[in-house]
Amino acid sequence: MKESIWQQILTYFYIRKRDPNAPKNINIKFMHGMNRISLFMFLIAVIVMIVRLFRR
């Protein structure tokens, strides 16, 4: 069963419990880690842009 993008994001941020039947592989762990870092960086950039927009 394919997960939606929102379910994957919740899993990356440890808000939703991971699927126990999901394959456990070091490459998948690295991929999820890199995705988590990129999502955090994106959210920080959006927050900075919003703060700069309202400071004008």
Protein backbone atom coordinates (compact mmCIF):
# COMPACT_ATOMS: atom_id res chain seq x y z
CA MET A 1 0.00 0.00 0.00
CA LYS A 2 1.43 3.34 -1.04
CA GLU A 3 1.62 6.08 1.58
CA SER A 4 0.65 9.65 0.91
CA ILE A 5 3.23 12.41 1.13
CA TRP A 6 1.70 13.69 4.40
CA GLN A 7 2.00 10.27 6.03
CA GLN A 8 5.66 10.11 5.00
CA ILE A 9 6.33 13.57 6.44
CA LEU A 10 4.72 12.57 9.74
CA THR A 11 6.92 9.47 9.79
CA TYR A 12 10.07 11.53 9.07
CA PHE A 13 9.33 13.84 12.00
CA TYR A 14 8.53 10.90 14.31
CA ILE A 15 4.92 12.10 14.76
CA ARG A 16 3.51 8.88 13.35
CA LYS A 17 4.76 5.42 14.27
CA ARG A 18 6.71 3.60 11.56
CA ASP A 19 5.31 0.59 9.77
CA PRO A 20 6.71 -2.57 11.42
CA ASN A 21 6.45 -4.43 8.08
CA ALA A 22 8.57 -1.87 6.23
CA PRO A 23 11.92 -3.15 4.97
CA LYS A 24 14.90 -2.31 7.19
CA ASN A 25 17.88 -1.33 5.13
CA ILE A 26 20.78 1.04 5.82
CA ASN A 27 20.19 2.80 2.49
CA ILE A 28 16.57 3.51 3.41
CA LYS A 29 17.67 4.86 6.80
CA PHE A 30 20.13 7.24 5.09
CA MET A 31 17.48 8.32 2.59
CA HIS A 32 15.00 9.10 5.37
CA GLY A 33 17.68 10.97 7.29
CA MET A 34 18.55 13.14 4.30
CA ASN A 35 14.86 13.79 3.62
CA ARG A 36 14.38 14.80 7.26
CA ILE A 37 17.28 17.27 7.06
CA SER A 38 16.00 18.78 3.81
CA LEU A 39 12.48 19.18 5.24
CA PHE A 40 13.85 20.94 8.34
CA MET A 41 15.93 23.26 6.17
CA PHE A 42 12.92 24.02 3.96
CA LEU A 43 10.72 24.83 6.95
CA ILE A 44 13.40 27.10 8.42
CA ALA A 45 13.75 28.92 5.09
CA VAL A 46 9.98 29.43 4.85
CA ILE A 47 9.89 30.82 8.40
CA VAL A 48 12.77 33.20 7.62
CA MET A 49 11.01 34.39 4.46
CA ILE A 50 7.76 35.01 6.36
CA VAL A 51 9.59 36.93 9.11
CA ARG A 52 11.38 39.09 6.54
CA LEU A 53 8.11 39.75 4.73
CA PHE A 54 6.39 41.05 7.86
CA ARG A 55 9.39 43.09 9.09
CA ARG A 56 9.21 45.51 6.17
